[in-house]
C-alpha atoms as a PDB file:
ATOM      1  CA  UNK A   1       4.112  20.973  86.686  1.00  0.00           C
ATOM      2  CA  UNK A   2       3.656  17.428  85.069  1.00  0.00           C
ATOM      3  CA  UNK A   3       3.690  15.155  88.099  1.00  0.00           C
ATOM      4  CA  UNK A   4       3.272  11.423  87.801  1.00  0.00           C
ATOM      5  CA  UNK A   5       3.186   8.961  90.616  1.00  0.00           C
ATOM      6  CA  UNK A   6       3.951   5.385  90.118  1.00  0.00           C
ATOM      7  CA  UNK A   7       5.201   2.336  91.953  1.00  0.00           C
ATOM      8  CA  UNK A   8       8.946   2.238  92.328  1.00  0.00           C
ATOM      9  CA  UNK A   9      10.938   0.111  89.926  1.00  0.00           C
ATOM     10  CA  UNK A  10      14.152  -1.567  90.443  1.00  0.00           C
ATOM     11  CA  UNK A  11      15.631   0.931  88.124  1.00  0.00           C
ATOM     12  CA  UNK A  12      14.664   3.831  90.461  1.00  0.00           C
ATOM     13  CA  UNK A  13      16.822   2.314  93.379  1.00  0.00           C
ATOM     14  CA  UNK A  14      19.982   4.452  93.106  1.00  0.00           C
ATOM     15  CA  UNK A  15      17.963   7.552  92.384  1.00  0.00           C
ATOM     16  CA  UNK A  16      15.588   7.122  95.493  1.00  0.00           C
ATOM     17  CA  UNK A  17      18.614   6.476  97.859  1.00  0.00           C
ATOM     18  CA  UNK A  18      20.161   9.722  96.731  1.00  0.00           C
ATOM     19  CA  UNK A  19      16.809  11.625  96.839  1.00  0.00           C
ATOM     20  CA  UNK A  20      15.981  10.396 100.456  1.00  0.00           C
ATOM     21  CA  UNK A  21      19.729  11.310 101.416  1.00  0.00           C
ATOM     22  CA  UNK A  22      19.368  14.735 100.210  1.00  0.00           C
ATOM     23  CA  UNK A  23      15.911  15.169 101.490  1.00  0.00           C
ATOM     24  CA  UNK A  24      16.915  14.169 105.029  1.00  0.00           C
ATOM     25  CA  UNK A  25      20.274  16.168 105.135  1.00  0.00           C
ATOM     26  CA  UNK A  26      18.776  19.313 106.350  1.00  0.00           C
ATOM     27  CA  UNK A  27      15.668  17.803 108.237  1.00  0.00           C
ATOM     28  CA  UNK A  28      15.079  18.975 111.735  1.00  0.00           C
ATOM     29  CA  UNK A  29      14.403  15.445 112.947  1.00  0.00           C
ATOM     30  CA  UNK A  30      16.732  12.720 111.166  1.00  0.00           C
ATOM     31  CA  UNK A  31      19.103  10.013 112.209  1.00  0.00           C
ATOM     32  CA  UNK A  32      21.047   9.952 109.113  1.00  0.00           C
ATOM     33  CA  UNK A  33      20.034   6.513 108.211  1.00  0.00           C
ATOM     34  CA  UNK A  34      16.893   6.919 106.383  1.00  0.00           C
ATOM     35  CA  UNK A  35      18.173   6.055 102.927  1.00  0.00           C
ATOM     36  CA  UNK A  36      19.756   2.728 104.323  1.00  0.00           C
ATOM     37  CA  UNK A  37      16.419   1.955 106.036  1.00  0.00           C
ATOM     38  CA  UNK A  38      14.840   1.996 102.743  1.00  0.00           C
ATOM     39  CA  UNK A  39      17.341  -0.486 101.253  1.00  0.00           C
ATOM     40  CA  UNK A  40      16.810  -2.798 104.392  1.00  0.00           C
ATOM     41  CA  UNK A  41      12.897  -2.525 104.118  1.00  0.00           C
ATOM     42  CA  UNK A  42      12.930  -3.463 100.438  1.00  0.00           C
ATOM     43  CA  UNK A  43      14.533  -6.792 101.512  1.00  0.00           C
ATOM     44  CA  UNK A  44      12.218  -7.344 104.397  1.00  0.00           C
ATOM     45  CA  UNK A  45       9.019  -9.111 105.024  1.00  0.00           C
ATOM     46  CA  UNK A  46       7.300  -5.872 105.744  1.00  0.00           C
ATOM     47  CA  UNK A  47       7.968  -4.667 102.199  1.00  0.00           C
ATOM     48  CA  UNK A  48       4.674  -4.402  99.739  1.00  0.00           C
ATOM     49  CA  UNK A  49       6.197  -3.199  96.419  1.00  0.00           C
ATOM     50  CA  UNK A  50       3.031  -1.799  95.396  1.00  0.00           C
ATOM     51  CA  UNK A  51       3.257   0.730  98.267  1.00  0.00           C
ATOM     52  CA  UNK A  52       6.618   1.831  97.397  1.00  0.00           C
ATOM     53  CA  UNK A  53       5.914   5.123  95.551  1.00  0.00           C
ATOM     54  CA  UNK A  54       8.017   7.677  93.239  1.00  0.00           C
ATOM     55  CA  UNK A  55       6.861  10.853  92.190  1.00  0.00           C
ATOM     56  CA  UNK A  56       8.368  12.327  89.002  1.00  0.00           C
ATOM     57  CA  UNK A  57       7.985  15.770  87.862  1.00  0.00           C
ATOM     58  CA  UNK A  58       8.709  16.282  84.110  1.00  0.00           C
ATOM     59  CA  UNK A  59      10.464  12.895  84.023  1.00  0.00           C
ATOM     60  CA  UNK A  60      12.637  13.826  87.177  1.00  0.00           C
ATOM     61  CA  UNK A  61      12.549  11.932  90.372  1.00  0.00           C
ATOM     62  CA  UNK A  62      11.075  14.332  92.895  1.00  0.00           C
ATOM     63  CA  UNK A  63       9.618  12.370  95.691  1.00  0.00           C
ATOM     64  CA  UNK A  64       9.318   8.955  97.650  1.00  0.00           C
ATOM     65  CA  UNK A  65       7.113   7.319  99.987  1.00  0.00           C
ATOM     66  CA  UNK A  66       7.471   3.813 101.492  1.00  0.00           C
ATOM     67  CA  UNK A  67       4.607   2.264 103.261  1.00  0.00           C
ATOM     68  CA  UNK A  68       5.406  -0.897 105.080  1.00  0.00           C
ATOM     69  CA  UNK A  69       3.475  -3.573 107.233  1.00  0.00           C
ATOM     70  CA  UNK A  70       3.553  -3.032 110.949  1.00  0.00           C
ATOM     71  CA  UNK A  71       1.617  -5.135 113.623  1.00  0.00           C
ATOM     72  CA  UNK A  72      -0.643  -3.291 116.010  1.00  0.00           C
ATOM     73  CA  UNK A  73      -1.752  -5.722 118.675  1.00  0.00           C
ATOM     74  CA  UNK A  74      -3.390  -8.662 116.547  1.00  0.00           C
ATOM     75  CA  UNK A  75      -3.852  -6.384 113.518  1.00  0.00           C
ATOM     76  CA  UNK A  76      -1.773  -5.559 110.445  1.00  0.00           C
ATOM     77  CA  UNK A  77      -1.500  -1.844 109.505  1.00  0.00           C
ATOM     78  CA  UNK A  78       0.963   0.382 107.662  1.00  0.00           C
ATOM     79  CA  UNK A  79       3.885   2.628 108.668  1.00  0.00           C
ATOM     80  CA  UNK A  80       4.965   5.569 106.451  1.00  0.00           C
ATOM     81  CA  UNK A  81       8.704   5.761 106.543  1.00  0.00           C
ATOM     82  CA  UNK A  82      10.226   7.500 104.950  1.00  0.00           C
ATOM     83  CA  UNK A  83       8.411  10.331 103.059  1.00  0.00           C
ATOM     84  CA  UNK A  84      10.891  12.283 101.259  1.00  0.00           C
ATOM     85  CA  UNK A  85      10.716  14.997  98.449  1.00  0.00           C
ATOM     86  CA  UNK A  86      13.993  16.451  96.759  1.00  0.00           C
ATOM     87  CA  UNK A  87      15.000  19.886  97.958  1.00  0.00           C
ATOM     88  CA  UNK A  88      14.501  21.473  94.802  1.00  0.00           C
ATOM     89  CA  UNK A  89      10.688  20.065  94.859  1.00  0.00           C
ATOM     90  CA  UNK A  90       9.585  20.733  98.158  1.00  0.00           C
ATOM     91  CA  UNK A  91       6.733  22.933  99.255  1.00  0.00           C
ATOM     92  CA  UNK A  92       5.099  22.244  95.878  1.00  0.00           C
ATOM     93  CA  UNK A  93       2.274  19.465  96.972  1.00  0.00           C
ATOM     94  CA  UNK A  94       4.732  16.399  96.189  1.00  0.00           C
ATOM     95  CA  UNK A  95       4.538  15.242  99.715  1.00  0.00           C
ATOM     96  CA  UNK A  96       0.865  15.589  99.812  1.00  0.00           C
ATOM     97  CA  UNK A  97       0.201  13.765  96.762  1.00  0.00           C
ATOM     98  CA  UNK A  98       2.503  10.798  97.638  1.00  0.00           C
ATOM     99  CA  UNK A  99       0.558  10.456 100.988  1.00  0.00           C
ATOM    100  CA  UNK A 100      -2.774  10.604  99.375  1.00  0.00           C
ATOM    101  CA  UNK A 101      -2.026   8.106  96.842  1.00  0.00           C
ATOM    102  CA  UNK A 102      -0.295   5.762  99.364  1.00  0.00           C
ATOM    103  CA  UNK A 103      -3.451   6.035 101.390  1.00  0.00           C
ATOM    104  CA  UNK A 104      -5.874   5.235  98.332  1.00  0.00           C
ATOM    105  CA  UNK A 105      -3.854   2.199  97.566  1.00  0.00           C
ATOM    106  CA  UNK A 106      -3.665   1.099 101.070  1.00  0.00           C
ATOM    107  CA  UNK A 107      -7.478   1.476 101.546  1.00  0.00           C
ATOM    108  CA  UNK A 108      -7.926  -0.654  98.456  1.00  0.00           C
ATOM    109  CA  UNK A 109      -5.745  -3.440 100.065  1.00  0.00           C
ATOM    110  CA  UNK A 110      -7.921  -3.460 102.876  1.00  0.00           C
ATOM    111  CA  UNK A 111      -5.845  -1.591 105.388  1.00  0.00           C
ATOM    112  CA  UNK A 112      -7.531   0.324 108.272  1.00  0.00           C
ATOM    113  CA  UNK A 113      -4.528   2.712 109.493  1.00  0.00           C
ATOM    114  CA  UNK A 114      -1.462   4.450 108.573  1.00  0.00           C
ATOM    115  CA  UNK A 115       1.025   5.271 111.134  1.00  0.00           C
ATOM    116  CA  UNK A 116       3.682   7.913 111.136  1.00  0.00           C
ATOM    117  CA  UNK A 117       6.215   9.602 113.201  1.00  0.00           C
ATOM    118  CA  UNK A 118       6.690  13.046 112.233  1.00  0.00           C
ATOM    119  CA  UNK A 119       5.945  16.811 112.409  1.00  0.00           C
ATOM    120  CA  UNK A 120       2.216  17.529 113.637  1.00  0.00           C
ATOM    121  CA  UNK A 121       2.263  20.866 111.685  1.00  0.00           C
ATOM    122  CA  UNK A 122       2.852  19.032 108.434  1.00  0.00           C
ATOM    123  CA  UNK A 123       0.765  15.765 108.822  1.00  0.00           C
ATOM    124  CA  UNK A 124      -1.873  17.309 110.943  1.00  0.00           C
ATOM    125  CA  UNK A 125      -3.093  19.186 107.996  1.00  0.00           C
ATOM    126  CA  UNK A 126      -3.371  15.986 106.123  1.00  0.00           C
ATOM    127  CA  UNK A 127      -5.900  14.424 108.994  1.00  0.00           C
ATOM    128  CA  UNK A 128      -3.333  12.666 111.000  1.00  0.00           C
ATOM    129  CA  UNK A 129      -3.585  13.172 114.535  1.00  0.00           C
ATOM    130  CA  UNK A 130      -2.350  11.294 117.936  1.00  0.00           C
ATOM    131  CA  UNK A 131      -2.201   7.599 117.428  1.00  0.00           C
ATOM    132  CA  UNK A 132      -3.133   7.112 120.836  1.00  0.00           C
ATOM    133  CA  UNK A 133      -6.694   8.344 120.119  1.00  0.00           C
ATOM    134  CA  UNK A 134      -7.111   5.309 118.016  1.00  0.00           C
ATOM    135  CA  UNK A 135      -5.515   3.037 120.533  1.00  0.00           C
ATOM    136  CA  UNK A 136      -2.073   2.711 118.844  1.00  0.00           C
ATOM    137  CA  UNK A 137       0.801   3.018 121.240  1.00  0.00           C
ATOM    138  CA  UNK A 138       4.450   3.741 120.107  1.00  0.00           C
ATOM    139  CA  UNK A 139       7.207   1.061 121.176  1.00  0.00           C
ATOM    140  CA  UNK A 140       9.439   3.781 122.306  1.00  0.00           C
ATOM    141  CA  UNK A 141       9.334   7.249 124.360  1.00  0.00           C
ATOM    142  CA  UNK A 142       8.047   9.901 122.045  1.00  0.00           C
ATOM    143  CA  UNK A 143       5.558  12.987 122.639  1.00  0.00           C
ATOM    144  CA  UNK A 144       2.212  11.784 121.627  1.00  0.00           C
ATOM    145  CA  UNK A 145       1.913  14.849 119.127  1.00  0.00           C
ATOM    146  CA  UNK A 146       4.609  13.468 117.002  1.00  0.00           C
ATOM    147  CA  UNK A 147       3.186   9.726 116.795  1.00  0.00           C
ATOM    148  CA  UNK A 148       0.338   9.887 114.489  1.00  0.00           C
ATOM    149  CA  UNK A 149      -2.183   7.825 112.799  1.00  0.00           C
ATOM    150  CA  UNK A 150      -4.911   8.268 110.103  1.00  0.00           C
ATOM    151  CA  UNK A 151      -7.729   5.955 109.980  1.00  0.00           C
ATOM    152  CA  UNK A 152      -8.529   5.032 106.046  1.00  0.00           C
ATOM    153  CA  UNK A 153     -12.110   5.050 106.258  1.00  0.00           C
ATOM    154  CA  UNK A 154     -14.909   6.339 108.419  1.00  0.00           C
ATOM    155  CA  UNK A 155     -15.717   4.196 111.408  1.00  0.00           C
ATOM    156  CA  UNK A 156     -13.025   1.763 111.742  1.00  0.00           C
ATOM    157  CA  UNK A 157     -12.513   0.268 114.797  1.00  0.00           C
ATOM    158  CA  UNK A 158     -10.316   1.582 117.296  1.00  0.00           C
ATOM    159  CA  UNK A 159      -7.220  -0.655 117.904  1.00  0.00           C
ATOM    160  CA  UNK A 160      -5.204  -1.652 121.059  1.00  0.00           C
ATOM    161  CA  UNK A 161      -1.790  -2.139 120.916  1.00  0.00           C
ATOM    162  CA  UNK A 162       1.596  -1.221 120.530  1.00  0.00           C
ATOM    163  CA  UNK A 163       3.146  -0.938 117.381  1.00  0.00           C
ATOM    164  CA  UNK A 164       5.626  -3.760 116.231  1.00  0.00           C
ATOM    165  CA  UNK A 165       7.825  -2.415 113.450  1.00  0.00           C
ATOM    166  CA  UNK A 166       9.955  -4.601 111.099  1.00  0.00           C
ATOM    167  CA  UNK A 167      13.210  -5.513 112.774  1.00  0.00           C
ATOM    168  CA  UNK A 168      14.994  -3.749 109.849  1.00  0.00           C
ATOM    169  CA  UNK A 169      13.846  -0.513 111.662  1.00  0.00           C
ATOM    170  CA  UNK A 170      16.220  -1.341 114.521  1.00  0.00           C
ATOM    171  CA  UNK A 171      13.399  -0.320 117.166  1.00  0.00           C
END
């Protein structure tokens, strides 16, 4: 498998829309709006172009990750939403590769944490754990196992605050 992870380009937008829609069509936890959330976030102040990533396998769009700015107390951090892998490419390490590249870029940019709402079975194996252990609280009721965070370097200070997502999330 020849995989390339790169920054999303405007020419990718329609393909990413379709990929996200297909990836979430059969997901256990979804709201059906994930692909439209991407469109809204691209036009938001939370959008960071270099943290909108696509994975291509042999020239075919296979996965997508979007990291956007969030506020946690007085600190600016990142939220991962969505991570999507096309059904034909799932369980091949593409999601993990996208997360790792997103973490690398975020670390280089000076961010301390990535927050994600998702499966503890999946994200836990990537080092994500309950966000509350880092002083990060959700702005909505959710089981703590599903609201996770990952420090991007050892020894980062704990935060103390409720996540404030971009208004485009509708939270």
